[in-house]
Structures are given as C-alpha cells and as structure tokens.
Amino acid sequence: MTTTHPSDQQQRGTTPQGNTGNRVPRRPKAQSRAPWILLAPFLALFLLTFILPILVAIASSFTKVTRKGLFGEAGVTSEFAWFSNYAQALSDGNFVASIGRMFLFGIVQVPVMIILCTVLALMLESTSARWPGFFRAAYFLPYGVPGVIATILWSFLYVPGLSPLIDIAGMFGLEPDFLGPNTVLWSIANIVLWSYAGYNMLIIVAQLKTIPVELYEAARVDGATTWRIARSIQLPLIKPALVLTTVFSIIGTLQLFAEAQVLKTVAPSIDSQYTPNLSAYSTAFAYNDYNVAAAQAVLIAAVALILSFAFLKFSNRKSS
C-alpha cells in the first residue's frame, strides 16, 4: 500500500480533506445577477425617460416630413434632411434673438445669483448667526413653490392696478413699469433669483460644513477676523460648490420657459419666441413643425453644453 506525502498533495492543489488549495470559490450566478436586478428598474426608467427622448429628438432633427394634399390625406413621407432643419432654425431671427437675450440674462443674473447665495451661506454659517436653521428653511422655501405659481404670485406685484409696489411708488411720484420691453427681462430675473437662491445656498452651506473646525480655531488664535476667515479659508474651500451652482445656473438660464410663458399673458413685450425654450415650444405646437423644433432643442442643449464645458475648463485652468 502506497502513501501520499502531504507535500505531494499540496503540489497537486489538494488537501488531505479533498478540498482545493487556495482557490477562491466562484460566486453563484444568482449573486452575480443581484446588483443588475436591483438596478434594472432605475436603468429602465433612465433609458425610457432620458436617453430615448434625446435619441428621438436628434433623429427627428435630421428628418423632414412631407404631407401631400391639403390635410395630408394623399400620404405622409419622411426623408433624411441632413442639416436643413438646423439651417431653418438658425435663419429664424427671433430664435437667434432669444438666444442672445438669454446670453444677456445669464451675464447679469448668474453672477448676482452666485454672489447672493454665497453671502447668505456665509452669514448663516458664521458664529454670530442666530436661528440658522429657521433662516435656512425660510430661504429654501421659495424653491418648493412651482415656477408657474411663483410667476403668478409675482405678476400680482408687476401688473399696474394690482401691484401695491406700483401704488407705493406712485406716492413718491414714480411710475415703474415692471413689464415694459426694457424691464420685463429683469422682472423674470427677479423671479428666478427668488426661486433658486435658497437652493444654491444650501449647496454652498453643505460644502461649508465639510471644513474642519480646527482651521477656524487656528485662524482665531492667529487673530483672524470674520472677513479674513471668509476670504482666506471659506471661499477657497467652497470653490467646488461655487462651480457646481454656476453650472446649474448657466444650464437653467437656457431652460427658462414657465416664467416667460405665464408673464406673456400680462406683458405684451413678451412674444411667443422670447426665450429659446419658448421658441421651440411655439414652433412645435403652434406651427406644427416638430422637426425644426427638435433642431432648436438640440441647438439649445449644445449651447448649454458648450457654455458649461467652457466654464469648467476656465475654472480648472484658473485653479491650476
């Protein structure tokens, strides 16, 4: 009878008990599929509500639909249109003017938004702040009001005969026109500022809370004032939050729709193509030209992407 030395068993990858050496056992297939099963509902909704509409809009922007007959009764044909829809969108002076109008809006409104929400966040996180939780909730509360409702509320303060602000200004011989052609854009900016300043403020507050307390203590030991702490410690360390809120504001600028759509009923200076999104909406549902509207939507998304990427590139270069 022959015996097997333990070293021979180890060389062959077996143990005396018959188990494999140091091999890692394979995970069961059910365990490997579990993460994908849990992610499946989210992935399905993400594909159906986000990716698929984008692909359909891009495909529609390169398609031309031709209807034969007065009402299309002779047939409807679709053909690849190359960039003719984009050319038609860019040849529309009102659409191009709406993009320029939003550029002006963003140049003024975005810096005001970022400065205001930064100041509010620094004030609430200062050591001398009283009831910071109450004021955080109060500043954030307007964000919970839908844009349509917020615009209706502010329209009561803009329309002559209804606005108490105009009545009070009249007592001092002033006649403000909040809905005039030169002021209605800034009236919309005021609504946007009121609605989103608290939301952006909370993003900055969250970043401020990640700053170690030791930095504040060391600065106070060195005799740093509140302004010096804000300038030398807080502002440099909250830069990621400032970049994020700025990108959100840039994207939101080109997405303006509800404010202009609601104020259009009381402000004659707002036409159906006052903002890029409103122009695409009117092209699709007022003129029934869905392909050109899809091209306009793709152009709006491209402009937002380019501006956001350019700002991120600029901020990264400046920090390096």
Protein backbone atom coordinates (compact mmCIF):
# COMPACT_ATOMS: atom_id res chain seq x y z
CA MET A 1 0.00 0.00 0.00
CA THR A 2 1.39 3.40 -1.03
CA THR A 3 1.08 6.61 0.95
CA THR A 4 0.98 10.10 -0.38
CA HIS A 5 3.14 12.71 1.26
CA PRO A 6 1.32 15.97 2.21
CA SER A 7 3.75 17.96 0.06
CA ASP A 8 2.70 15.96 -2.99
CA GLN A 9 -0.94 16.71 -2.23
CA GLN A 10 -0.18 20.44 -1.99
CA GLN A 11 1.69 20.36 -5.31
CA ARG A 12 -1.35 18.78 -6.94
CA GLY A 13 -3.56 21.55 -5.41
CA THR A 14 -5.44 19.27 -2.99
CA THR A 15 -5.57 18.94 0.76
CA PRO A 16 -5.91 15.74 2.73
CA GLN A 17 -9.60 16.52 3.16
CA GLY A 18 -10.06 16.66 -0.60
CA ASN A 19 -10.63 20.44 -0.83
CA THR A 20 -8.98 22.55 -3.50
CA GLY A 21 -5.94 24.53 -2.35
CA ASN A 22 -6.22 28.33 -2.08
CA ARG A 23 -8.65 28.76 -4.96
CA VAL A 24 -11.31 31.41 -4.49
CA PRO A 25 -14.71 29.76 -4.87
CA ARG A 26 -16.84 31.08 -7.68
CA ARG A 27 -19.77 33.28 -6.76
CA PRO A 28 -23.15 31.78 -7.57
CA LYS A 29 -24.77 33.15 -10.70
CA ALA A 30 -27.72 34.45 -8.71
CA GLN A 31 -25.37 36.52 -6.56
CA SER A 32 -23.70 37.97 -9.67
CA ARG A 33 -27.04 38.93 -11.17
CA ALA A 34 -28.42 40.51 -7.99
CA PRO A 35 -26.94 44.02 -8.49
CA TRP A 36 -28.27 44.20 -12.06
CA ILE A 37 -31.70 43.02 -10.94
CA LEU A 38 -31.80 45.77 -8.30
CA LEU A 39 -30.61 48.38 -10.81
CA ALA A 40 -32.98 47.25 -13.56
CA PRO A 41 -35.96 49.48 -12.61
CA PHE A 42 -33.76 52.59 -12.48
CA LEU A 43 -31.94 51.73 -15.70
CA ALA A 44 -35.24 51.09 -17.49
CA LEU A 45 -36.68 54.44 -16.38
CA PHE A 46 -33.41 56.20 -17.20
CA LEU A 47 -33.35 54.79 -20.71
CA LEU A 48 -37.05 55.41 -21.37
CA THR A 49 -37.32 58.92 -19.89
CA PHE A 50 -33.87 60.35 -20.59
CA ILE A 51 -31.76 58.54 -23.18
CA LEU A 52 -34.58 57.56 -25.55
CA PRO A 53 -36.13 61.08 -25.80
CA ILE A 54 -32.71 62.52 -26.56
CA LEU A 55 -32.09 59.99 -29.32
CA VAL A 56 -35.57 60.55 -30.75
CA ALA A 57 -35.08 64.34 -30.73
CA ILE A 58 -31.72 64.05 -32.50
CA ALA A 59 -33.17 61.67 -35.10
CA SER A 60 -36.19 63.94 -35.61
CA SER A 61 -33.94 66.96 -36.11
CA PHE A 62 -32.42 65.24 -39.17
CA THR A 63 -35.79 64.21 -40.61
CA LYS A 64 -38.13 66.06 -42.94
CA VAL A 65 -41.81 65.15 -43.01
CA THR A 66 -43.72 65.98 -46.19
CA ARG A 67 -47.53 65.87 -46.24
CA LYS A 68 -49.22 65.59 -49.61
CA GLY A 69 -52.61 67.14 -50.04
CA LEU A 70 -54.29 69.90 -48.08
CA PHE A 71 -54.53 67.90 -44.86
CA GLY A 72 -52.05 65.15 -45.64
CA GLU A 73 -54.75 62.90 -46.98
CA ALA A 74 -52.62 61.99 -50.00
CA GLY A 75 -49.91 60.50 -47.82
CA VAL A 76 -47.08 61.44 -45.48
CA THR A 77 -43.45 60.76 -46.32
CA SER A 78 -40.34 61.08 -44.15
CA GLU A 79 -36.86 61.55 -45.53
CA PHE A 80 -33.39 62.31 -44.25
CA ALA A 81 -32.96 66.09 -44.32
CA TRP A 82 -29.32 66.46 -43.37
CA PHE A 83 -28.89 69.89 -41.73
CA SER A 84 -31.80 71.68 -43.39
CA ASN A 85 -33.79 71.83 -40.13
CA TYR A 86 -30.82 73.38 -38.36
CA ALA A 87 -30.37 75.89 -41.17
CA GLN A 88 -34.05 76.82 -40.94
CA ALA A 89 -33.81 77.20 -37.16
CA LEU A 90 -30.75 79.43 -37.38
CA SER A 91 -32.31 81.51 -40.15
CA ASP A 92 -35.16 82.39 -37.78
CA GLY A 93 -34.16 85.81 -36.46
CA ASN A 94 -36.50 85.55 -33.47
CA PHE A 95 -34.92 82.28 -32.31
CA VAL A 96 -31.40 83.67 -32.64
CA ALA A 97 -32.50 86.83 -30.82
CA SER A 98 -33.90 84.71 -27.98
CA ILE A 99 -30.52 83.02 -27.52
CA GLY A 100 -28.82 86.43 -27.46
CA ARG A 101 -31.39 87.64 -24.94
CA MET A 102 -30.58 84.68 -22.69
CA PHE A 103 -26.86 85.42 -23.00
CA LEU A 104 -27.53 88.91 -21.65
CA PHE A 105 -29.77 87.43 -18.96
CA GLY A 106 -27.07 84.98 -17.88
CA ILE A 107 -24.25 87.53 -17.86
CA VAL A 108 -26.17 89.62 -15.33
CA GLN A 109 -28.28 87.13 -13.43
CA VAL A 110 -25.78 84.29 -12.86
CA PRO A 111 -23.14 86.43 -11.06
CA VAL A 112 -25.86 88.09 -8.96
CA MET A 113 -27.26 84.65 -8.07
CA ILE A 114 -23.86 83.23 -7.05
CA ILE A 115 -22.88 86.29 -5.03
CA LEU A 116 -26.21 86.41 -3.20
CA CYS A 117 -26.34 82.71 -2.30
CA THR A 118 -22.67 82.80 -1.21
CA VAL A 119 -23.27 85.78 1.07
CA LEU A 120 -26.36 84.11 2.56
CA ALA A 121 -24.46 80.87 3.17
CA LEU A 122 -21.52 82.65 4.84
CA MET A 123 -23.87 84.64 7.04
CA LEU A 124 -25.78 81.56 8.16
CA GLU A 125 -22.58 79.63 8.92
CA SER A 126 -20.93 82.45 10.87
CA THR A 127 -20.53 82.04 14.63
CA SER A 128 -22.72 85.08 15.30
CA ALA A 129 -25.70 83.77 13.29
CA ARG A 130 -28.90 83.30 15.29
CA TRP A 131 -31.58 80.75 14.38
CA PRO A 132 -29.63 79.50 11.34
CA GLY A 133 -31.97 76.51 10.91
CA PHE A 134 -35.01 78.75 10.69
CA PHE A 135 -33.44 81.07 8.14
CA ARG A 136 -32.10 78.17 6.05
CA ALA A 137 -35.63 76.82 5.80
CA ALA A 138 -37.04 80.28 5.07
CA TYR A 139 -34.54 80.94 2.26
CA PHE A 140 -35.09 77.47 0.80
CA LEU A 141 -38.89 77.69 0.94
CA PRO A 142 -39.33 79.57 -2.41
CA TYR A 143 -37.65 76.67 -4.21
CA GLY A 144 -40.59 74.48 -3.16
CA VAL A 145 -43.02 76.77 -5.00
CA PRO A 146 -43.54 75.62 -8.64
CA GLY A 147 -42.30 78.07 -11.26
CA VAL A 148 -45.79 78.69 -12.64
CA ILE A 149 -47.19 79.52 -9.19
CA ALA A 150 -44.18 81.72 -8.37
CA THR A 151 -44.66 83.68 -11.60
CA ILE A 152 -48.37 84.15 -10.92
CA LEU A 153 -47.59 85.42 -7.42
CA TRP A 154 -45.02 87.90 -8.71
CA SER A 155 -47.29 89.02 -11.56
CA PHE A 156 -49.63 90.49 -8.94
CA LEU A 157 -46.70 92.72 -7.94
CA TYR A 158 -45.89 93.65 -11.55
CA VAL A 159 -49.31 94.45 -13.06
CA PRO A 160 -50.47 98.09 -12.69
CA GLY A 161 -53.69 98.40 -10.73
CA LEU A 162 -52.93 95.23 -8.77
CA SER A 163 -49.43 95.85 -7.54
CA PRO A 164 -49.04 97.52 -4.14
CA LEU A 165 -45.43 98.27 -5.09
CA ILE A 166 -46.54 100.44 -8.00
CA ASP A 167 -49.11 102.18 -5.77
CA ILE A 168 -46.47 102.95 -3.13
CA ALA A 169 -44.03 104.17 -5.80
CA GLY A 170 -46.81 106.43 -7.16
CA MET A 171 -46.99 108.21 -3.80
CA PHE A 172 -43.41 109.38 -4.41
CA GLY A 173 -44.05 110.42 -7.99
CA LEU A 174 -42.54 107.27 -9.50
CA GLU A 175 -44.13 105.15 -12.22
CA PRO A 176 -42.21 101.88 -12.51
CA ASP A 177 -43.06 99.65 -15.45
CA PHE A 178 -42.07 96.12 -14.49
CA LEU A 179 -43.49 94.61 -17.68
CA GLY A 180 -42.09 97.07 -20.21
CA PRO A 181 -39.88 95.96 -23.11
CA ASN A 182 -36.72 97.16 -21.32
CA THR A 183 -37.55 95.83 -17.86
CA VAL A 184 -39.53 92.60 -18.26
CA LEU A 185 -36.33 90.55 -18.70
CA TRP A 186 -35.11 91.73 -15.30
CA SER A 187 -38.52 91.09 -13.79
CA ILE A 188 -38.09 87.48 -14.90
CA ALA A 189 -34.57 87.51 -13.44
CA ASN A 190 -36.02 88.62 -10.12
CA ILE A 191 -38.42 85.65 -10.10
CA VAL A 192 -35.59 83.23 -10.90
CA LEU A 193 -33.40 84.77 -8.21
CA TRP A 194 -36.19 84.49 -5.63
CA SER A 195 -36.88 80.86 -6.58
CA TYR A 196 -33.38 79.40 -6.78
CA ALA A 197 -31.13 81.43 -4.47
CA GLY A 198 -32.11 79.29 -1.47
CA TYR A 199 -31.44 76.04 -3.34
CA ASN A 200 -27.96 77.15 -4.40
CA MET A 201 -27.35 78.49 -0.90
CA LEU A 202 -27.91 75.02 0.60
CA ILE A 203 -25.32 73.52 -1.76
CA ILE A 204 -22.77 76.04 -0.52
CA VAL A 205 -23.82 75.52 3.11
CA ALA A 206 -23.24 71.78 2.70
CA GLN A 207 -19.73 72.50 1.41
CA LEU A 208 -19.05 74.91 4.30
CA LYS A 209 -19.96 72.22 6.82
CA THR A 210 -17.16 69.98 5.50
CA ILE A 211 -14.47 72.49 6.52
CA PRO A 212 -12.62 71.17 9.61
CA VAL A 213 -13.28 73.10 12.80
CA GLU A 214 -9.53 73.09 13.52
CA LEU A 215 -8.96 75.55 10.67
CA TYR A 216 -11.35 78.06 12.24
CA GLU A 217 -9.76 77.61 15.67
CA ALA A 218 -6.25 78.11 14.32
CA ALA A 219 -7.34 81.22 12.42
CA ARG A 220 -8.95 82.73 15.52
CA VAL A 221 -5.83 82.01 17.57
CA ASP A 222 -3.86 83.95 14.96
CA GLY A 223 -6.28 86.85 15.36
CA ALA A 224 -8.06 86.50 12.00
CA THR A 225 -11.26 88.49 11.62
CA THR A 226 -14.51 87.10 10.24
CA TRP A 227 -13.84 88.72 6.86
CA ARG A 228 -10.30 87.27 6.77
CA ILE A 229 -11.61 83.78 7.62
CA ALA A 230 -14.20 84.05 4.85
CA ARG A 231 -11.68 85.31 2.30
CA SER A 232 -8.73 83.06 3.15
CA ILE A 233 -10.40 79.85 4.34
CA GLN A 234 -14.05 79.55 3.40
CA LEU A 235 -14.12 80.94 -0.14
CA PRO A 236 -11.15 78.87 -1.41
CA LEU A 237 -12.55 75.67 0.13
CA ILE A 238 -16.07 76.07 -1.23
CA LYS A 239 -14.90 76.52 -4.80
CA PRO A 240 -16.34 73.13 -5.93
CA ALA A 241 -19.78 74.19 -4.69
CA LEU A 242 -19.47 77.57 -6.42
CA VAL A 243 -18.52 75.86 -9.68
CA LEU A 244 -21.46 73.45 -9.38
CA THR A 245 -24.01 76.18 -8.67
CA THR A 246 -22.65 78.28 -11.53
CA VAL A 247 -23.01 75.38 -13.97
CA PHE A 248 -26.56 74.78 -12.73
CA SER A 249 -27.36 78.47 -13.24
CA ILE A 250 -25.92 78.50 -16.76
CA ILE A 251 -27.98 75.47 -17.76
CA GLY A 252 -31.08 76.89 -16.07
CA THR A 253 -30.71 80.16 -17.97
CA LEU A 254 -31.21 78.44 -21.32
CA GLN A 255 -34.10 76.39 -19.89
CA LEU A 256 -36.28 79.38 -19.00
CA PHE A 257 -39.82 78.63 -20.04
CA ALA A 258 -42.54 78.82 -17.38
CA GLU A 259 -41.79 82.39 -16.30
CA ALA A 260 -41.96 83.81 -19.82
CA GLN A 261 -44.95 81.63 -20.75
CA VAL A 262 -47.03 82.85 -17.80
CA LEU A 263 -45.99 86.52 -17.98
CA LYS A 264 -46.77 86.54 -21.71
CA THR A 265 -50.45 86.89 -20.86
CA VAL A 266 -49.90 90.19 -19.00
CA ALA A 267 -46.77 91.52 -20.70
CA PRO A 268 -47.24 92.49 -24.38
CA SER A 269 -43.45 92.81 -24.78
CA ILE A 270 -43.06 89.02 -24.39
CA ASP A 271 -43.75 87.24 -27.66
CA SER A 272 -44.03 83.53 -28.40
CA GLN A 273 -40.27 83.28 -29.05
CA TYR A 274 -38.97 85.33 -26.13
CA THR A 275 -36.77 82.53 -24.78
CA PRO A 276 -35.17 79.63 -26.71
CA ASN A 277 -37.34 77.00 -25.00
CA LEU A 278 -40.47 79.06 -25.60
CA SER A 279 -39.47 79.40 -29.25
CA ALA A 280 -39.05 75.62 -29.64
CA TYR A 281 -42.39 75.06 -27.89
CA SER A 282 -44.16 77.52 -30.22
CA THR A 283 -42.54 76.02 -33.31
CA ALA A 284 -43.73 72.55 -32.33
CA PHE A 285 -47.24 73.19 -31.02
CA ALA A 286 -48.24 76.46 -32.67
CA TYR A 287 -46.73 75.90 -36.12
CA ASN A 288 -46.74 72.05 -36.05
CA ASP A 289 -43.14 71.89 -37.27
CA TYR A 290 -41.81 69.26 -34.91
CA ASN A 291 -38.62 68.61 -36.87
CA VAL A 292 -37.44 72.22 -36.74
CA ALA A 293 -38.46 72.34 -33.07
CA ALA A 294 -36.30 69.27 -32.44
CA ALA A 295 -33.39 71.01 -34.17
CA GLN A 296 -33.92 74.06 -31.96
CA ALA A 297 -33.96 71.84 -28.85
CA VAL A 298 -30.71 70.16 -29.89
CA LEU A 299 -29.12 73.57 -30.51
CA ILE A 300 -30.21 74.76 -27.05
CA ALA A 301 -28.70 71.65 -25.45
CA ALA A 302 -25.49 72.12 -27.46
CA VAL A 303 -25.15 75.76 -26.38
CA ALA A 304 -25.72 74.81 -22.73
CA LEU A 305 -23.14 72.03 -23.02
CA ILE A 306 -20.55 74.30 -24.66
CA LEU A 307 -21.01 77.09 -22.10
CA SER A 308 -20.87 74.68 -19.16
CA PHE A 309 -17.78 72.94 -20.53
CA ALA A 310 -16.07 76.28 -21.25
CA PHE A 311 -16.74 77.50 -17.70
CA LEU A 312 -15.43 74.24 -16.20
CA LYS A 313 -12.32 74.48 -18.39
CA PHE A 314 -11.79 78.11 -17.35
CA SER A 315 -12.24 77.37 -13.63
CA ASN A 316 -9.89 74.36 -13.77
CA ARG A 317 -7.22 76.36 -15.61
CA LYS A 318 -7.51 79.20 -13.12
CA SER A 319 -7.15 76.86 -10.14
CA SER A 320 -4.09 75.16 -11.65
